[in-house]
C-alpha atoms as a PDB file:
ATOM      1  CA  MET A   1      61.817  44.237 175.090  1.00  0.00           C
ATOM      2  CA  HIS A   2      62.066  45.177 178.791  1.00  0.00           C
ATOM      3  CA  VAL A   3      62.610  42.008 180.789  1.00  0.00           C
ATOM      4  CA  ASN A   4      61.983  41.923 184.549  1.00  0.00           C
ATOM      5  CA  LEU A   5      63.464  38.594 185.712  1.00  0.00           C
ATOM      6  CA  GLN A   6      62.217  39.025 189.291  1.00  0.00           C
ATOM      7  CA  TYR A   7      58.771  39.335 188.023  1.00  0.00           C
ATOM      8  CA  MET A   8      59.048  36.384 185.600  1.00  0.00           C
ATOM      9  CA  LEU A   9      61.010  34.091 187.839  1.00  0.00           C
ATOM     10  CA  GLN A  10      58.783  31.332 189.628  1.00  0.00           C
ATOM     11  CA  ARG A  11      59.831  29.387 192.643  1.00  0.00           C
ATOM     12  CA  HIS A  12      58.696  25.758 193.605  1.00  0.00           C
ATOM     13  CA  ILE A  13      56.686  25.190 190.401  1.00  0.00           C
ATOM     14  CA  THR A  14      55.345  21.541 189.733  1.00  0.00           C
ATOM     15  CA  LEU A  15      56.430  20.146 186.415  1.00  0.00           C
ATOM     16  CA  LYS A  16      53.647  17.437 186.302  1.00  0.00           C
ATOM     17  CA  ALA A  17      51.930  18.978 183.318  1.00  0.00           C
ATOM     18  CA  LEU A  18      55.291  19.611 181.692  1.00  0.00           C
ATOM     19  CA  ASN A  19      56.607  16.022 181.369  1.00  0.00           C
ATOM     20  CA  THR A  20      54.727  13.336 179.421  1.00  0.00           C
ATOM     21  CA  PHE A  21      55.270  10.698 182.179  1.00  0.00           C
ATOM     22  CA  GLY A  22      53.202  12.831 184.391  1.00  0.00           C
ATOM     23  CA  PHE A  23      55.770  12.670 187.312  1.00  0.00           C
ATOM     24  CA  ASP A  24      54.958  15.178 190.017  1.00  0.00           C
ATOM     25  CA  ALA A  25      58.477  16.781 190.270  1.00  0.00           C
ATOM     26  CA  GLU A  26      58.987  20.251 191.368  1.00  0.00           C
ATOM     27  CA  ALA A  27      61.465  22.854 190.159  1.00  0.00           C
ATOM     28  CA  SER A  28      63.176  25.130 192.603  1.00  0.00           C
ATOM     29  CA  LEU A  29      63.303  27.928 190.018  1.00  0.00           C
ATOM     30  CA  PHE A  30      61.358  28.187 186.859  1.00  0.00           C
ATOM     31  CA  LEU A  31      61.597  30.619 184.034  1.00  0.00           C
ATOM     32  CA  PRO A  32      59.423  30.699 180.844  1.00  0.00           C
ATOM     33  CA  VAL A  33      61.604  31.830 177.828  1.00  0.00           C
ATOM     34  CA  ALA A  34      59.403  33.469 175.099  1.00  0.00           C
ATOM     35  CA  ASP A  35      62.004  35.971 174.115  1.00  0.00           C
ATOM     36  CA  ILE A  36      65.805  35.714 173.506  1.00  0.00           C
ATOM     37  CA  ASP A  37      66.392  38.799 175.570  1.00  0.00           C
ATOM     38  CA  ILE A  38      65.359  36.747 178.602  1.00  0.00           C
ATOM     39  CA  LEU A  39      68.317  34.461 177.935  1.00  0.00           C
ATOM     40  CA  LYS A  40      70.639  37.454 177.594  1.00  0.00           C
ATOM     41  CA  LYS A  41      69.374  38.833 180.852  1.00  0.00           C
ATOM     42  CA  VAL A  42      69.499  35.814 182.821  1.00  0.00           C
ATOM     43  CA  TRP A  43      73.186  35.108 181.635  1.00  0.00           C
ATOM     44  CA  LYS A  44      74.091  38.463 183.322  1.00  0.00           C
ATOM     45  CA  THR A  45      72.952  37.262 186.671  1.00  0.00           C
ATOM     46  CA  ASN A  46      74.388  34.515 188.934  1.00  0.00           C
ATOM     47  CA  LEU A  47      71.511  32.101 188.286  1.00  0.00           C
ATOM     48  CA  LEU A  48      73.363  30.051 185.774  1.00  0.00           C
ATOM     49  CA  SER A  49      76.270  29.638 188.014  1.00  0.00           C
ATOM     50  CA  LEU A  50      74.442  28.558 191.036  1.00  0.00           C
ATOM     51  CA  SER A  51      73.396  25.282 189.381  1.00  0.00           C
ATOM     52  CA  SER A  52      73.221  23.464 185.924  1.00  0.00           C
ATOM     53  CA  PRO A  53      69.969  24.852 184.256  1.00  0.00           C
ATOM     54  CA  LEU A  54      67.593  22.318 182.756  1.00  0.00           C
ATOM     55  CA  ILE A  55      66.308  23.159 179.409  1.00  0.00           C
ATOM     56  CA  LEU A  56      62.750  21.894 178.943  1.00  0.00           C
ATOM     57  CA  GLY A  57      60.608  21.683 175.826  1.00  0.00           C
ATOM     58  CA  GLY A  58      57.486  19.560 175.693  1.00  0.00           C
ATOM     59  CA  GLY A  59      59.008  17.146 178.385  1.00  0.00           C
ATOM     60  CA  SER A  60      58.562  14.096 176.123  1.00  0.00           C
ATOM     61  CA  ASN A  61      61.917  12.701 176.574  1.00  0.00           C
ATOM     62  CA  ILE A  62      62.722  13.114 180.317  1.00  0.00           C
ATOM     63  CA  LEU A  63      62.366  11.166 183.438  1.00  0.00           C
ATOM     64  CA  PHE A  64      62.318  12.937 186.615  1.00  0.00           C
ATOM     65  CA  LYS A  65      63.730  10.729 189.538  1.00  0.00           C
ATOM     66  CA  SER A  66      62.988  13.575 191.915  1.00  0.00           C
ATOM     67  CA  ASN A  67      62.507  17.275 192.333  1.00  0.00           C
ATOM     68  CA  TYR A  68      64.913  19.489 190.264  1.00  0.00           C
ATOM     69  CA  PRO A  69      66.969  21.623 192.673  1.00  0.00           C
ATOM     70  CA  GLY A  70      68.173  24.129 190.133  1.00  0.00           C
ATOM     71  CA  LEU A  71      66.740  26.446 187.419  1.00  0.00           C
ATOM     72  CA  VAL A  72      64.436  25.122 184.660  1.00  0.00           C
ATOM     73  CA  LEU A  73      64.287  27.198 181.473  1.00  0.00           C
ATOM     74  CA  HIS A  74      61.186  26.394 179.469  1.00  0.00           C
ATOM     75  CA  ASN A  75      61.358  27.018 175.807  1.00  0.00           C
ATOM     76  CA  ARG A  76      58.294  29.094 174.654  1.00  0.00           C
ATOM     77  CA  LEU A  77      59.764  30.596 171.559  1.00  0.00           C
ATOM     78  CA  SER A  78      57.154  30.453 168.691  1.00  0.00           C
ATOM     79  CA  GLY A  79      56.825  31.489 165.014  1.00  0.00           C
ATOM     80  CA  LYS A  80      57.138  29.831 161.654  1.00  0.00           C
ATOM     81  CA  GLU A  81      58.637  31.720 158.750  1.00  0.00           C
ATOM     82  CA  VAL A  82      60.030  30.978 155.395  1.00  0.00           C
ATOM     83  CA  VAL A  83      63.356  32.455 155.013  1.00  0.00           C
ATOM     84  CA  LYS A  84      64.412  31.258 151.596  1.00  0.00           C
ATOM     85  CA  GLU A  85      62.900  29.621 148.614  1.00  0.00           C
ATOM     86  CA  THR A  86      63.895  28.222 145.223  1.00  0.00           C
ATOM     87  CA  GLU A  87      62.132  26.231 142.431  1.00  0.00           C
ATOM     88  CA  HIS A  88      62.716  23.075 144.401  1.00  0.00           C
ATOM     89  CA  HIS A  89      63.020  23.761 148.074  1.00  0.00           C
ATOM     90  CA  VAL A  90      61.761  25.920 150.767  1.00  0.00           C
ATOM     91  CA  TRP A  91      63.652  26.887 154.160  1.00  0.00           C
ATOM     92  CA  LEU A  92      61.296  26.954 157.078  1.00  0.00           C
ATOM     93  CA  ARG A  93      62.554  28.568 160.282  1.00  0.00           C
ATOM     94  CA  CYS A  94      60.763  27.774 163.412  1.00  0.00           C
ATOM     95  CA  GLY A  95      60.858  29.041 167.032  1.00  0.00           C
ATOM     96  CA  GLY A  96      62.205  26.341 169.358  1.00  0.00           C
ATOM     97  CA  GLY A  97      58.997  26.170 171.419  1.00  0.00           C
ATOM     98  CA  GLU A  98      56.759  25.293 168.554  1.00  0.00           C
ATOM     99  CA  ILE A  99      55.171  21.851 168.807  1.00  0.00           C
ATOM    100  CA  TRP A 100      56.888  19.369 166.450  1.00  0.00           C
ATOM    101  CA  HIS A 101      53.682  17.899 165.049  1.00  0.00           C
ATOM    102  CA  ASN A 102      52.240  21.283 164.261  1.00  0.00           C
ATOM    103  CA  VAL A 103      55.205  22.108 162.335  1.00  0.00           C
ATOM    104  CA  VAL A 104      54.776  18.798 160.307  1.00  0.00           C
ATOM    105  CA  MET A 105      51.134  19.490 159.660  1.00  0.00           C
ATOM    106  CA  HIS A 106      52.054  23.131 158.484  1.00  0.00           C
ATOM    107  CA  ALA A 107      54.528  21.532 156.022  1.00  0.00           C
ATOM    108  CA  VAL A 108      52.048  18.834 154.790  1.00  0.00           C
ATOM    109  CA  GLN A 109      49.345  21.632 154.166  1.00  0.00           C
ATOM    110  CA  HIS A 110      51.673  23.318 152.058  1.00  0.00           C
ATOM    111  CA  ASN A 111      52.844  20.208 150.314  1.00  0.00           C
ATOM    112  CA  TRP A 112      56.456  20.693 151.499  1.00  0.00           C
ATOM    113  CA  GLY A 113      58.015  17.222 151.765  1.00  0.00           C
ATOM    114  CA  GLY A 114      60.390  15.716 154.232  1.00  0.00           C
ATOM    115  CA  LEU A 115      58.573  15.645 157.628  1.00  0.00           C
ATOM    116  CA  GLU A 116      55.615  13.538 156.892  1.00  0.00           C
ATOM    117  CA  ASN A 117      57.092  10.310 158.021  1.00  0.00           C
ATOM    118  CA  MET A 118      57.777  11.962 161.390  1.00  0.00           C
ATOM    119  CA  SER A 119      54.025  12.959 162.038  1.00  0.00           C
ATOM    120  CA  LEU A 120      52.904  12.823 165.618  1.00  0.00           C
ATOM    121  CA  ILE A 121      56.294  12.504 167.289  1.00  0.00           C
ATOM    122  CA  PRO A 122      55.785  14.349 170.726  1.00  0.00           C
ATOM    123  CA  GLY A 123      57.809  17.343 171.763  1.00  0.00           C
ATOM    124  CA  THR A 124      59.034  20.618 170.463  1.00  0.00           C
ATOM    125  CA  ILE A 125      61.091  21.534 167.519  1.00  0.00           C
ATOM    126  CA  GLY A 126      63.783  22.860 169.575  1.00  0.00           C
ATOM    127  CA  ALA A 127      64.363  19.399 171.287  1.00  0.00           C
ATOM    128  CA  SER A 128      64.277  17.704 167.716  1.00  0.00           C
ATOM    129  CA  PRO A 129      68.012  18.080 167.105  1.00  0.00           C
ATOM    130  CA  ILE A 130      69.102  16.839 170.505  1.00  0.00           C
ATOM    131  CA  GLN A 131      67.845  13.226 169.696  1.00  0.00           C
ATOM    132  CA  ASN A 132      68.202  13.567 165.916  1.00  0.00           C
ATOM    133  CA  ILE A 133      64.555  12.327 166.007  1.00  0.00           C
ATOM    134  CA  GLY A 134      63.242   9.999 163.507  1.00  0.00           C
ATOM    135  CA  ALA A 135      60.471   7.489 162.438  1.00  0.00           C
ATOM    136  CA  TYR A 136      59.400   5.300 159.772  1.00  0.00           C
ATOM    137  CA  GLY A 137      62.434   5.777 157.548  1.00  0.00           C
ATOM    138  CA  ALA A 138      63.142   9.323 158.154  1.00  0.00           C
ATOM    139  CA  GLU A 139      65.482  11.298 160.471  1.00  0.00           C
ATOM    140  CA  LEU A 140      65.605  15.048 161.314  1.00  0.00           C
ATOM    141  CA  LYS A 141      69.165  15.227 159.850  1.00  0.00           C
ATOM    142  CA  ASP A 142      67.565  14.455 156.454  1.00  0.00           C
ATOM    143  CA  VAL A 143      65.955  17.919 156.298  1.00  0.00           C
ATOM    144  CA  PHE A 144      68.052  19.847 158.806  1.00  0.00           C
ATOM    145  CA  GLU A 145      69.611  23.048 157.510  1.00  0.00           C
ATOM    146  CA  GLU A 146      70.955  24.902 160.603  1.00  0.00           C
ATOM    147  CA  LEU A 147      69.963  26.026 164.152  1.00  0.00           C
ATOM    148  CA  ASP A 148      70.303  29.324 166.235  1.00  0.00           C
ATOM    149  CA  ALA A 149      71.035  28.597 169.868  1.00  0.00           C
ATOM    150  CA  PHE A 150      72.051  30.868 172.935  1.00  0.00           C
ATOM    151  CA  ASP A 151      75.456  29.497 174.202  1.00  0.00           C
ATOM    152  CA  LEU A 152      74.861  29.475 178.029  1.00  0.00           C
ATOM    153  CA  LEU A 153      78.528  29.103 178.586  1.00  0.00           C
ATOM    154  CA  HIS A 154      79.728  32.203 176.688  1.00  0.00           C
ATOM    155  CA  GLY A 155      76.486  34.215 176.771  1.00  0.00           C
ATOM    156  CA  GLN A 156      76.080  34.671 173.054  1.00  0.00           C
ATOM    157  CA  MET A 157      73.983  33.524 170.034  1.00  0.00           C
ATOM    158  CA  VAL A 158      75.453  30.969 167.760  1.00  0.00           C
ATOM    159  CA  LYS A 159      74.540  29.170 164.593  1.00  0.00           C
ATOM    160  CA  LEU A 160      75.233  25.340 164.132  1.00  0.00           C
ATOM    161  CA  THR A 161      75.258  23.421 160.802  1.00  0.00           C
ATOM    162  CA  ALA A 162      74.366  19.786 160.530  1.00  0.00           C
ATOM    163  CA  GLU A 163      77.975  18.854 160.550  1.00  0.00           C
ATOM    164  CA  GLU A 164      78.590  20.835 163.760  1.00  0.00           C
ATOM    165  CA  CYS A 165      75.565  19.138 165.357  1.00  0.00           C
ATOM    166  CA  GLU A 166      77.284  15.795 164.858  1.00  0.00           C
ATOM    167  CA  PHE A 167      74.098  13.929 164.184  1.00  0.00           C
ATOM    168  CA  GLY A 168      74.031  10.059 164.875  1.00  0.00           C
ATOM    169  CA  TYR A 169      71.318   7.495 165.521  1.00  0.00           C
ATOM    170  CA  ARG A 170      69.236   9.323 168.180  1.00  0.00           C
ATOM    171  CA  ASP A 171      72.439  11.227 169.062  1.00  0.00           C
ATOM    172  CA  SER A 172      73.924  14.742 168.559  1.00  0.00           C
ATOM    173  CA  ILE A 173      76.514  17.047 170.162  1.00  0.00           C
ATOM    174  CA  PHE A 174      73.724  18.165 172.583  1.00  0.00           C
ATOM    175  CA  LYS A 175      73.920  14.764 174.149  1.00  0.00           C
ATOM    176  CA  GLN A 176      77.682  14.464 174.257  1.00  0.00           C
ATOM    177  CA  SER A 177      80.186  17.416 174.622  1.00  0.00           C
ATOM    178  CA  GLY A 178      77.543  20.184 174.328  1.00  0.00           C
ATOM    179  CA  LYS A 179      74.985  18.742 176.703  1.00  0.00           C
ATOM    180  CA  GLY A 180      73.317  21.405 178.684  1.00  0.00           C
ATOM    181  CA  ARG A 181      75.324  24.089 176.967  1.00  0.00           C
ATOM    182  CA  TYR A 182      72.950  25.438 174.252  1.00  0.00           C
ATOM    183  CA  PHE A 183      69.504  26.737 174.465  1.00  0.00           C
ATOM    184  CA  ILE A 184      68.064  25.982 171.011  1.00  0.00           C
ATOM    185  CA  THR A 185      65.936  29.119 169.863  1.00  0.00           C
ATOM    186  CA  HIS A 186      65.327  28.358 166.298  1.00  0.00           C
ATOM    187  CA  VAL A 187      65.624  25.414 163.859  1.00  0.00           C
ATOM    188  CA  THR A 188      65.518  25.904 159.978  1.00  0.00           C
ATOM    189  CA  LEU A 189      64.424  22.935 157.846  1.00  0.00           C
ATOM    190  CA  ARG A 190      65.127  22.438 154.148  1.00  0.00           C
ATOM    191  CA  LEU A 191      61.881  21.030 152.598  1.00  0.00           C
ATOM    192  CA  HIS A 192      60.962  19.660 149.145  1.00  0.00           C
ATOM    193  CA  LYS A 193      58.455  21.543 147.023  1.00  0.00           C
ATOM    194  CA  ASN A 194      58.214  18.571 144.731  1.00  0.00           C
ATOM    195  CA  PRO A 195      58.270  15.715 147.196  1.00  0.00           C
ATOM    196  CA  GLU A 196      58.708  12.036 146.612  1.00  0.00           C
ATOM    197  CA  VAL A 197      56.969   9.841 149.208  1.00  0.00           C
ATOM    198  CA  ASN A 198      58.808   7.438 151.361  1.00  0.00           C
ATOM    199  CA  VAL A 199      56.593   4.309 151.823  1.00  0.00           C
ATOM    200  CA  LYS A 200      59.516   1.858 152.362  1.00  0.00           C
ATOM    201  CA  TYR A 201      58.586   1.065 155.866  1.00  0.00           C
ATOM    202  CA  GLY A 202      56.119  -1.887 155.531  1.00  0.00           C
ATOM    203  CA  ASP A 203      53.306  -0.627 157.788  1.00  0.00           C
ATOM    204  CA  ILE A 204      52.792   2.661 155.856  1.00  0.00           C
ATOM    205  CA  ALA A 205      52.796   0.760 152.414  1.00  0.00           C
ATOM    206  CA  ALA A 206      50.277  -1.757 153.919  1.00  0.00           C
ATOM    207  CA  THR A 207      48.116   0.950 155.418  1.00  0.00           C
ATOM    208  CA  ILE A 208      47.968   3.059 152.303  1.00  0.00           C
ATOM    209  CA  ALA A 209      47.143  -0.003 150.297  1.00  0.00           C
ATOM    210  CA  GLU A 210      44.371  -0.915 152.646  1.00  0.00           C
ATOM    211  CA  TRP A 211      42.817   2.509 151.955  1.00  0.00           C
ATOM    212  CA  GLY A 212      42.969   1.857 148.242  1.00  0.00           C
ATOM    213  CA  ILE A 213      45.348   4.676 147.404  1.00  0.00           C
ATOM    214  CA  THR A 214      47.480   3.801 144.453  1.00  0.00           C
ATOM    215  CA  ARG A 215      49.406   7.184 144.091  1.00  0.00           C
ATOM    216  CA  PRO A 216      49.968   8.460 147.600  1.00  0.00           C
ATOM    217  CA  GLY A 217      51.007  12.016 148.445  1.00  0.00           C
ATOM    218  CA  ILE A 218      52.737  13.273 151.502  1.00  0.00           C
ATOM    219  CA  ALA A 219      49.379  13.983 153.164  1.00  0.00           C
ATOM    220  CA  ASP A 220      48.514  10.305 152.675  1.00  0.00           C
ATOM    221  CA  VAL A 221      51.786   9.204 154.228  1.00  0.00           C
ATOM    222  CA  SER A 222      51.247  11.685 157.216  1.00  0.00           C
ATOM    223  CA  ARG A 223      47.753  10.216 157.654  1.00  0.00           C
ATOM    224  CA  ALA A 224      48.935   6.674 157.629  1.00  0.00           C
ATOM    225  CA  VAL A 225      51.764   7.430 160.147  1.00  0.00           C
ATOM    226  CA  ILE A 226      49.315   8.998 162.531  1.00  0.00           C
ATOM    227  CA  HIS A 227      46.923   6.040 162.128  1.00  0.00           C
ATOM    228  CA  ILE A 228      49.699   3.559 162.842  1.00  0.00           C
ATOM    229  CA  ARG A 229      51.127   5.422 165.852  1.00  0.00           C
ATOM    230  CA  LYS A 230      47.575   5.930 167.423  1.00  0.00           C
ATOM    231  CA  SER A 231      46.963   2.191 166.913  1.00  0.00           C
ATOM    232  CA  LYS A 232      50.114   1.188 168.667  1.00  0.00           C
ATOM    233  CA  LEU A 233      51.404   3.905 171.034  1.00  0.00           C
ATOM    234  CA  PRO A 234      49.430   5.226 174.113  1.00  0.00           C
ATOM    235  CA  ASP A 235      48.321   8.915 174.163  1.00  0.00           C
ATOM    236  CA  PRO A 236      50.464  10.505 176.905  1.00  0.00           C
ATOM    237  CA  ALA A 237      47.424  12.580 178.033  1.00  0.00           C
ATOM    238  CA  GLU A 238      45.796   9.397 178.949  1.00  0.00           C
ATOM    239  CA  LEU A 239      48.587   7.112 179.850  1.00  0.00           C
ATOM    240  CA  GLY A 240      51.972   8.803 180.958  1.00  0.00           C
ATOM    241  CA  ASN A 241      54.766   7.729 178.727  1.00  0.00           C
ATOM    242  CA  CYS A 242      57.818   9.063 176.824  1.00  0.00           C
ATOM    243  CA  GLY A 243      57.136   7.018 173.563  1.00  0.00           C
ATOM    244  CA  SER A 244      60.143   4.773 172.734  1.00  0.00           C
ATOM    245  CA  PHE A 245      62.125   4.235 175.949  1.00  0.00           C
ATOM    246  CA  PHE A 246      65.067   2.367 174.345  1.00  0.00           C
ATOM    247  CA  LYS A 247      67.169   2.806 171.212  1.00  0.00           C
ATOM    248  CA  ASN A 248      67.265  -0.021 168.703  1.00  0.00           C
ATOM    249  CA  PRO A 249      70.663  -1.641 169.444  1.00  0.00           C
ATOM    250  CA  VAL A 250      73.274  -1.713 166.674  1.00  0.00           C
ATOM    251  CA  VAL A 251      75.367  -4.799 166.587  1.00  0.00           C
ATOM    252  CA  SER A 252      77.962  -6.388 164.380  1.00  0.00           C
ATOM    253  CA  LYS A 253      76.915  -8.672 161.435  1.00  0.00           C
ATOM    254  CA  ASP A 254      78.488 -11.655 163.246  1.00  0.00           C
ATOM    255  CA  ASP A 255      76.430 -10.895 166.491  1.00  0.00           C
ATOM    256  CA  ALA A 256      73.202 -10.533 164.506  1.00  0.00           C
ATOM    257  CA  ASP A 257      73.696 -13.710 162.643  1.00  0.00           C
ATOM    258  CA  LYS A 258      74.186 -15.534 165.960  1.00  0.00           C
ATOM    259  CA  LEU A 259      71.078 -14.090 167.234  1.00  0.00           C
ATOM    260  CA  SER A 260      69.168 -14.988 163.972  1.00  0.00           C
ATOM    261  CA  ALA A 261      70.577 -18.616 164.183  1.00  0.00           C
ATOM    262  CA  ALA A 262      68.966 -18.834 167.637  1.00  0.00           C
ATOM    263  CA  HIS A 263      65.866 -16.746 166.905  1.00  0.00           C
ATOM    264  CA  PRO A 264      65.006 -17.044 163.270  1.00  0.00           C
ATOM    265  CA  ASP A 265      62.056 -14.460 163.954  1.00  0.00           C
ATOM    266  CA  ALA A 266      64.467 -11.804 165.214  1.00  0.00           C
ATOM    267  CA  LYS A 267      63.640  -8.479 163.582  1.00  0.00           C
ATOM    268  CA  ARG A 268      66.840  -7.012 162.103  1.00  0.00           C
ATOM    269  CA  PHE A 269      67.741  -4.167 159.808  1.00  0.00           C
ATOM    270  CA  ASP A 270      71.061  -4.272 157.776  1.00  0.00           C
ATOM    271  CA  GLN A 271      72.768  -0.853 157.841  1.00  0.00           C
ATOM    272  CA  PRO A 272      74.740   0.530 154.898  1.00  0.00           C
ATOM    273  CA  ASP A 273      77.996   0.402 157.112  1.00  0.00           C
ATOM    274  CA  GLY A 274      77.732  -3.509 157.484  1.00  0.00           C
ATOM    275  CA  THR A 275      76.246  -3.253 161.223  1.00  0.00           C
ATOM    276  CA  VAL A 276      72.830  -4.480 161.919  1.00  0.00           C
ATOM    277  CA  LYS A 277      70.067  -2.778 163.834  1.00  0.00           C
ATOM    278  CA  ILE A 278      67.919  -5.091 166.114  1.00  0.00           C
ATOM    279  CA  ALA A 279      64.329  -4.118 167.015  1.00  0.00           C
ATOM    280  CA  ALA A 280      64.406  -3.439 170.841  1.00  0.00           C
ATOM    281  CA  GLY A 281      60.756  -3.938 170.913  1.00  0.00           C
ATOM    282  CA  TRP A 282      61.147  -7.461 169.510  1.00  0.00           C
ATOM    283  CA  LEU A 283      63.781  -8.188 172.104  1.00  0.00           C
ATOM    284  CA  ILE A 284      61.736  -7.059 175.030  1.00  0.00           C
ATOM    285  CA  GLU A 285      58.588  -8.784 173.734  1.00  0.00           C
ATOM    286  CA  LYS A 286      60.483 -12.066 173.090  1.00  0.00           C
ATOM    287  CA  ALA A 287      61.907 -11.830 176.749  1.00  0.00           C
ATOM    288  CA  GLY A 288      58.241 -11.668 178.002  1.00  0.00           C
ATOM    289  CA  TRP A 289      58.163  -8.132 179.283  1.00  0.00           C
ATOM    290  CA  LYS A 290      55.407  -6.865 177.163  1.00  0.00           C
ATOM    291  CA  GLY A 291      52.292  -5.923 179.309  1.00  0.00           C
ATOM    292  CA  TYR A 292      54.317  -6.440 182.355  1.00  0.00           C
ATOM    293  CA  ARG A 293      53.208  -4.333 185.391  1.00  0.00           C
ATOM    294  CA  ARG A 294      54.835  -3.592 188.701  1.00  0.00           C
ATOM    295  CA  GLY A 295      52.724  -1.383 190.707  1.00  0.00           C
ATOM    296  CA  ASP A 296      51.958   1.627 188.591  1.00  0.00           C
ATOM    297  CA  ALA A 297      55.092   1.257 186.450  1.00  0.00           C
ATOM    298  CA  GLY A 298      54.766  -1.048 183.472  1.00  0.00           C
ATOM    299  CA  VAL A 299      55.421  -2.064 179.858  1.00  0.00           C
ATOM    300  CA  HIS A 300      52.667  -1.165 177.426  1.00  0.00           C
ATOM    301  CA  ALA A 301      50.443  -3.998 176.425  1.00  0.00           C
ATOM    302  CA  LYS A 302      50.565  -3.013 172.709  1.00  0.00           C
ATOM    303  CA  GLN A 303      54.071  -1.752 172.286  1.00  0.00           C
ATOM    304  CA  ALA A 304      56.892  -3.337 174.296  1.00  0.00           C
ATOM    305  CA  LEU A 305      59.351  -0.400 173.585  1.00  0.00           C
ATOM    306  CA  VAL A 306      57.134   2.058 175.615  1.00  0.00           C
ATOM    307  CA  LEU A 307      57.200   2.146 179.461  1.00  0.00           C
ATOM    308  CA  VAL A 308      54.187   3.635 181.205  1.00  0.00           C
ATOM    309  CA  ASN A 309      52.992   5.386 184.219  1.00  0.00           C
ATOM    310  CA  TYR A 310      49.580   4.017 185.203  1.00  0.00           C
ATOM    311  CA  GLY A 311      49.000   6.958 187.386  1.00  0.00           C
ATOM    312  CA  ASN A 312      51.010   7.024 190.650  1.00  0.00           C
ATOM    313  CA  ALA A 313      54.524   5.542 189.667  1.00  0.00           C
ATOM    314  CA  THR A 314      57.603   7.445 190.559  1.00  0.00           C
ATOM    315  CA  GLY A 315      60.446   8.125 188.139  1.00  0.00           C
ATOM    316  CA  THR A 316      62.693   5.893 190.297  1.00  0.00           C
ATOM    317  CA  GLU A 317      60.291   2.939 189.904  1.00  0.00           C
ATOM    318  CA  VAL A 318      60.092   3.179 186.180  1.00  0.00           C
ATOM    319  CA  LEU A 319      63.903   3.594 186.058  1.00  0.00           C
ATOM    320  CA  THR A 320      64.382   0.503 188.133  1.00  0.00           C
ATOM    321  CA  LEU A 321      62.119  -1.457 185.746  1.00  0.00           C
ATOM    322  CA  ALA A 322      63.987  -0.147 182.805  1.00  0.00           C
ATOM    323  CA  HIS A 323      67.249  -1.409 184.312  1.00  0.00           C
ATOM    324  CA  ASP A 324      65.751  -4.847 185.068  1.00  0.00           C
ATOM    325  CA  ILE A 325      64.758  -5.094 181.492  1.00  0.00           C
ATOM    326  CA  VAL A 326      68.134  -4.182 180.216  1.00  0.00           C
ATOM    327  CA  GLU A 327      69.822  -6.670 182.526  1.00  0.00           C
ATOM    328  CA  ASP A 328      67.382  -9.401 181.404  1.00  0.00           C
ATOM    329  CA  ILE A 329      67.706  -8.663 177.733  1.00  0.00           C
ATOM    330  CA  PHE A 330      71.693  -8.931 178.123  1.00  0.00           C
ATOM    331  CA  THR A 331      71.309 -12.101 180.037  1.00  0.00           C
ATOM    332  CA  LYS A 332      69.041 -13.810 177.241  1.00  0.00           C
ATOM    333  CA  PHE A 333      70.254 -12.306 174.208  1.00  0.00           C
ATOM    334  CA  GLN A 334      73.823 -10.907 174.931  1.00  0.00           C
ATOM    335  CA  VAL A 335      72.426  -7.498 173.490  1.00  0.00           C
ATOM    336  CA  LYS A 336      72.898  -4.275 175.495  1.00  0.00           C
ATOM    337  CA  LEU A 337      69.995  -1.921 175.385  1.00  0.00           C
ATOM    338  CA  GLU A 338      70.377   1.774 175.771  1.00  0.00           C
ATOM    339  CA  MET A 339      67.906   4.240 176.988  1.00  0.00           C
ATOM    340  CA  GLU A 340      66.643   6.972 174.712  1.00  0.00           C
ATOM    341  CA  VAL A 341      65.038   8.975 177.736  1.00  0.00           C
ATOM    342  CA  ASN A 342      67.143  11.443 179.684  1.00  0.00           C
ATOM    343  CA  THR A 343      67.057  11.091 183.379  1.00  0.00           C
ATOM    344  CA  ARG A 344      67.119  14.028 185.994  1.00  0.00           C
END
């Protein structure tokens, strides 16, 4: 493919439609990436050395505090391909710009299990390893095989295994030592051809039971998750948001027991390593923030974990609200909240 960077490179482009908060930030330089050759070409220029490039997918996990003064690389790599198959598993390789939910639906339609509990998570598949996305009892690392990425530091393609990605709770190497270094071009998932459904999350089991389904398949689980998410979470197309704004804090068992003693209704989840995960949404709601609004920045009325832009809020206003919530939660419960959302 012949790549003409001068023709493709755009200047002073609004990112309003490319971030789910709907903040009207502007990129000084903007380059859509629909082919790996574009990355190889841009690496040979001085564009990457002028400023740290920002890699953008669906914009569902980013908060712009102001205009972005450097280069934005927008992942538009597409395609879904089965690269390996056995009696029990199928390996699905997807372009990093593919919409995550579309990949989930593709798997469900073929009865390939492992993604159904993560239905309707916004964003692209290329962004999914960065957060080690997860929902309703499932995480990306459970089905992750490997990824291909362009190393912006050394100008070459690399493969990373699950171990090399250093997955943690909403964490990975891409948020730590490898932050901003890798442009994820493809992700390969290992899916089950004879899937067992995971309905351990209470809301899924209750929803399926309400529908009178006694032997649910992965399509039923996916439909239930979509139903639950739509009933609780605002559609970014209608109300600007990034989904869950905060991580569920993980504390020691002693600290969790103290919290439970003071608040018997605290939502807690014991972890295999002896720690305890506390529901951040419960903490925020208990502290009285649910439905709070300050100008056009607010906390969603149905889900306290979601901060929203009612129309004309700035990133700074939403971030200030988030910091106030973090401070208040620590004062009231001695629990430190941590943001999931990346700020720029």
